[in-house]
Amino acid sequence: QVQVMESGGGLVQAGGSLRLSCTVSGLEFERYGVGWFRQNPGKKREGVSCIDWNEKYTVYQDSVKGRFTISRDNAKNTVYLDMNSLKPEDTATYFCAARRITPGGVRCSDESFRYWGQGTQLTVSS
């Protein structure tokens, strides 16, 4: 049984930093890409950042480029999202998801991902 578990959300002031973690179990982790998505009530879920094999295979949403960094530790079956210079507009529920890596480059659209976590809330206060 595949399990995806996010952790690390919380309340932080604007300009602050936070790290989200996503641990995946029940599959060959190194063969799976992992993505971070976020969503606010009444809004569409959006891709934030995704990673395939390693840090050479990453994509970022334009609004987080230069502020967020995605990385993975295959020994721990974990993907991290390091978030710096946080803004109130980063406030959302953050979801982690996993998909089997396929040819054609990193994909960061939610319909490509099969396994999802329950989400973790990030609130950035102004």
C-alpha atoms as a PDB file:
ATOM      1  CA  GLN A   1       0.000   0.000   0.000  1.00  0.00           C
ATOM      2  CA  VAL A   2       1.424   3.338  -1.067  1.00  0.00           C
ATOM      3  CA  GLN A   3       1.453   6.078   1.538  1.00  0.00           C
ATOM      4  CA  VAL A   4       2.367   9.721   0.991  1.00  0.00           C
ATOM      5  CA  MET A   5       2.882  11.825   4.083  1.00  0.00           C
ATOM      6  CA  GLU A   6       3.566  15.569   4.232  1.00  0.00           C
ATOM      7  CA  SER A   7       4.941  17.382   7.243  1.00  0.00           C
ATOM      8  CA  GLY A   8       6.398  20.726   8.190  1.00  0.00           C
ATOM      9  CA  GLY A   9       3.572  23.153   7.607  1.00  0.00           C
ATOM     10  CA  GLY A  10       2.756  25.889  10.060  1.00  0.00           C
ATOM     11  CA  LEU A  11       2.500  29.607  10.670  1.00  0.00           C
ATOM     12  CA  VAL A  12       5.370  31.845   9.622  1.00  0.00           C
ATOM     13  CA  GLN A  13       5.857  35.561   9.180  1.00  0.00           C
ATOM     14  CA  ALA A  14       6.381  37.108   5.766  1.00  0.00           C
ATOM     15  CA  GLY A  15      10.028  36.946   4.812  1.00  0.00           C
ATOM     16  CA  GLY A  16      10.568  33.812   6.846  1.00  0.00           C
ATOM     17  CA  SER A  17      11.558  30.304   5.860  1.00  0.00           C
ATOM     18  CA  LEU A  18      10.127  26.840   6.263  1.00  0.00           C
ATOM     19  CA  ARG A  19      10.864  23.322   5.069  1.00  0.00           C
ATOM     20  CA  LEU A  20       8.194  20.883   3.977  1.00  0.00           C
ATOM     21  CA  SER A  21       8.918  17.162   3.880  1.00  0.00           C
ATOM     22  CA  CYS A  22       7.203  14.431   1.905  1.00  0.00           C
ATOM     23  CA  THR A  23       7.858  10.806   2.738  1.00  0.00           C
ATOM     24  CA  VAL A  24       6.603   8.104   0.392  1.00  0.00           C
ATOM     25  CA  SER A  25       6.400   4.408   1.227  1.00  0.00           C
ATOM     26  CA  GLY A  26       5.181   1.300  -0.539  1.00  0.00           C
ATOM     27  CA  LEU A  27       6.892   1.814  -3.890  1.00  0.00           C
ATOM     28  CA  GLU A  28      10.350   1.942  -5.488  1.00  0.00           C
ATOM     29  CA  PHE A  29      10.925   5.534  -4.510  1.00  0.00           C
ATOM     30  CA  GLU A  30      13.885   6.181  -6.810  1.00  0.00           C
ATOM     31  CA  ARG A  31      11.688   5.362  -9.836  1.00  0.00           C
ATOM     32  CA  TYR A  32       9.077   7.941  -8.895  1.00  0.00           C
ATOM     33  CA  GLY A  33       8.873  11.647  -9.472  1.00  0.00           C
ATOM     34  CA  VAL A  34       7.457  13.763  -6.673  1.00  0.00           C
ATOM     35  CA  GLY A  35       5.637  17.048  -6.870  1.00  0.00           C
ATOM     36  CA  TRP A  36       4.440  19.750  -4.523  1.00  0.00           C
ATOM     37  CA  PHE A  37       1.088  21.362  -5.216  1.00  0.00           C
ATOM     38  CA  ARG A  38      -0.929  23.934  -3.335  1.00  0.00           C
ATOM     39  CA  GLN A  39      -4.543  24.923  -3.117  1.00  0.00           C
ATOM     40  CA  ASN A  40      -6.738  27.468  -1.404  1.00  0.00           C
ATOM     41  CA  PRO A  41     -10.470  27.078  -0.839  1.00  0.00           C
ATOM     42  CA  GLY A  42     -12.445  27.698  -4.019  1.00  0.00           C
ATOM     43  CA  LYS A  43      -9.334  27.818  -6.168  1.00  0.00           C
ATOM     44  CA  LYS A  44      -7.732  25.381  -8.545  1.00  0.00           C
ATOM     45  CA  ARG A  45      -4.835  23.299  -7.318  1.00  0.00           C
ATOM     46  CA  GLU A  46      -1.538  24.480  -8.804  1.00  0.00           C
ATOM     47  CA  GLY A  47       1.842  22.885  -9.237  1.00  0.00           C
ATOM     48  CA  VAL A  48       4.580  24.511  -7.170  1.00  0.00           C
ATOM     49  CA  SER A  49       7.619  22.367  -7.904  1.00  0.00           C
ATOM     50  CA  CYS A  50       8.373  18.863  -9.113  1.00  0.00           C
ATOM     51  CA  ILE A  51      11.422  16.624  -9.207  1.00  0.00           C
ATOM     52  CA  ASP A  52      12.263  13.471 -11.092  1.00  0.00           C
ATOM     53  CA  TRP A  53      15.542  11.571 -10.709  1.00  0.00           C
ATOM     54  CA  ASN A  54      17.544  14.268  -8.963  1.00  0.00           C
ATOM     55  CA  GLU A  55      18.062  18.023  -8.712  1.00  0.00           C
ATOM     56  CA  LYS A  56      19.008  18.208 -12.386  1.00  0.00           C
ATOM     57  CA  TYR A  57      15.411  17.298 -13.218  1.00  0.00           C
ATOM     58  CA  THR A  58      13.269  19.924 -11.547  1.00  0.00           C
ATOM     59  CA  VAL A  59      10.634  22.470 -12.482  1.00  0.00           C
ATOM     60  CA  TYR A  60       9.292  25.434 -10.573  1.00  0.00           C
ATOM     61  CA  GLN A  61       6.272  27.641 -10.857  1.00  0.00           C
ATOM     62  CA  ASP A  62       7.392  31.127 -11.883  1.00  0.00           C
ATOM     63  CA  SER A  63       6.125  32.701  -8.668  1.00  0.00           C
ATOM     64  CA  VAL A  64       8.453  30.588  -6.509  1.00  0.00           C
ATOM     65  CA  LYS A  65      11.589  30.541  -8.658  1.00  0.00           C
ATOM     66  CA  GLY A  66      14.577  31.762  -6.689  1.00  0.00           C
ATOM     67  CA  ARG A  67      12.713  31.359  -3.382  1.00  0.00           C
ATOM     68  CA  PHE A  68      11.829  27.651  -3.213  1.00  0.00           C
ATOM     69  CA  THR A  69      14.159  24.692  -3.672  1.00  0.00           C
ATOM     70  CA  ILE A  70      13.078  21.097  -4.145  1.00  0.00           C
ATOM     71  CA  SER A  71      15.380  18.189  -3.332  1.00  0.00           C
ATOM     72  CA  ARG A  72      15.185  14.488  -2.637  1.00  0.00           C
ATOM     73  CA  ASP A  73      16.926  11.949  -0.405  1.00  0.00           C
ATOM     74  CA  ASN A  74      16.327   8.494  -1.841  1.00  0.00           C
ATOM     75  CA  ALA A  75      17.846   6.820   1.215  1.00  0.00           C
ATOM     76  CA  LYS A  76      15.033   8.334   3.284  1.00  0.00           C
ATOM     77  CA  ASN A  77      12.287   8.098   0.640  1.00  0.00           C
ATOM     78  CA  THR A  78      11.784  11.803   1.188  1.00  0.00           C
ATOM     79  CA  VAL A  79      11.446  14.937  -0.905  1.00  0.00           C
ATOM     80  CA  TYR A  80      11.937  18.369   0.638  1.00  0.00           C
ATOM     81  CA  LEU A  81      10.655  21.791  -0.305  1.00  0.00           C
ATOM     82  CA  ASP A  82      12.759  24.550   1.198  1.00  0.00           C
ATOM     83  CA  MET A  83      10.840  27.795   1.130  1.00  0.00           C
ATOM     84  CA  ASN A  84      12.500  31.163   1.696  1.00  0.00           C
ATOM     85  CA  SER A  85      11.327  34.775   1.503  1.00  0.00           C
ATOM     86  CA  LEU A  86       7.797  33.601   2.109  1.00  0.00           C
ATOM     87  CA  LYS A  87       4.934  35.859   1.114  1.00  0.00           C
ATOM     88  CA  PRO A  88       1.311  35.960   2.290  1.00  0.00           C
ATOM     89  CA  GLU A  89       0.277  34.745  -1.161  1.00  0.00           C
ATOM     90  CA  ASP A  90       2.151  31.495  -0.476  1.00  0.00           C
ATOM     91  CA  THR A  91      -0.520  30.674   2.089  1.00  0.00           C
ATOM     92  CA  ALA A  92      -2.252  27.442   1.061  1.00  0.00           C
ATOM     93  CA  THR A  93      -2.626  23.783   1.786  1.00  0.00           C
ATOM     94  CA  TYR A  94       0.400  22.074   0.306  1.00  0.00           C
ATOM     95  CA  PHE A  95       0.045  18.597  -1.122  1.00  0.00           C
ATOM     96  CA  CYS A  96       2.691  16.115  -2.097  1.00  0.00           C
ATOM     97  CA  ALA A  97       2.162  13.582  -4.873  1.00  0.00           C
ATOM     98  CA  ALA A  98       4.106  10.826  -6.604  1.00  0.00           C
ATOM     99  CA  ARG A  99       4.121   9.473 -10.151  1.00  0.00           C
ATOM    100  CA  ARG A 100       6.148   6.874 -11.991  1.00  0.00           C
ATOM    101  CA  ILE A 101       8.879   8.641 -13.941  1.00  0.00           C
ATOM    102  CA  THR A 102       8.321   8.420 -17.705  1.00  0.00           C
ATOM    103  CA  PRO A 103      10.301   9.716 -20.684  1.00  0.00           C
ATOM    104  CA  GLY A 104       9.642  13.199 -21.899  1.00  0.00           C
ATOM    105  CA  GLY A 105      10.846  15.411 -19.101  1.00  0.00           C
ATOM    106  CA  VAL A 106       9.639  16.467 -15.693  1.00  0.00           C
ATOM    107  CA  ARG A 107       5.877  16.791 -15.423  1.00  0.00           C
ATOM    108  CA  CYS A 108       4.235  19.041 -12.907  1.00  0.00           C
ATOM    109  CA  SER A 109       0.549  18.883 -13.729  1.00  0.00           C
ATOM    110  CA  ASP A 110      -1.643  17.260 -11.129  1.00  0.00           C
ATOM    111  CA  GLU A 111      -3.330  14.884 -13.574  1.00  0.00           C
ATOM    112  CA  SER A 112       0.049  13.175 -14.063  1.00  0.00           C
ATOM    113  CA  PHE A 113       0.285  12.145 -10.412  1.00  0.00           C
ATOM    114  CA  ARG A 114      -1.281   9.009  -9.013  1.00  0.00           C
ATOM    115  CA  TYR A 115      -0.521   8.975  -5.297  1.00  0.00           C
ATOM    116  CA  TRP A 116      -1.426  11.897  -3.057  1.00  0.00           C
ATOM    117  CA  GLY A 117      -0.955  12.929   0.540  1.00  0.00           C
ATOM    118  CA  GLN A 118      -3.524  14.578   2.777  1.00  0.00           C
ATOM    119  CA  GLY A 119      -1.857  17.987   2.727  1.00  0.00           C
ATOM    120  CA  THR A 120      -0.229  20.304   5.222  1.00  0.00           C
ATOM    121  CA  GLN A 121      -1.259  23.886   5.890  1.00  0.00           C
ATOM    122  CA  LEU A 122       1.108  26.803   5.435  1.00  0.00           C
ATOM    123  CA  THR A 123       0.029  30.221   6.628  1.00  0.00           C
ATOM    124  CA  VAL A 124       2.219  33.244   5.997  1.00  0.00           C
ATOM    125  CA  SER A 125       1.269  36.291   8.021  1.00  0.00           C
ATOM    126  CA  SER A 126       1.967  39.822   6.815  1.00  0.00           C
END
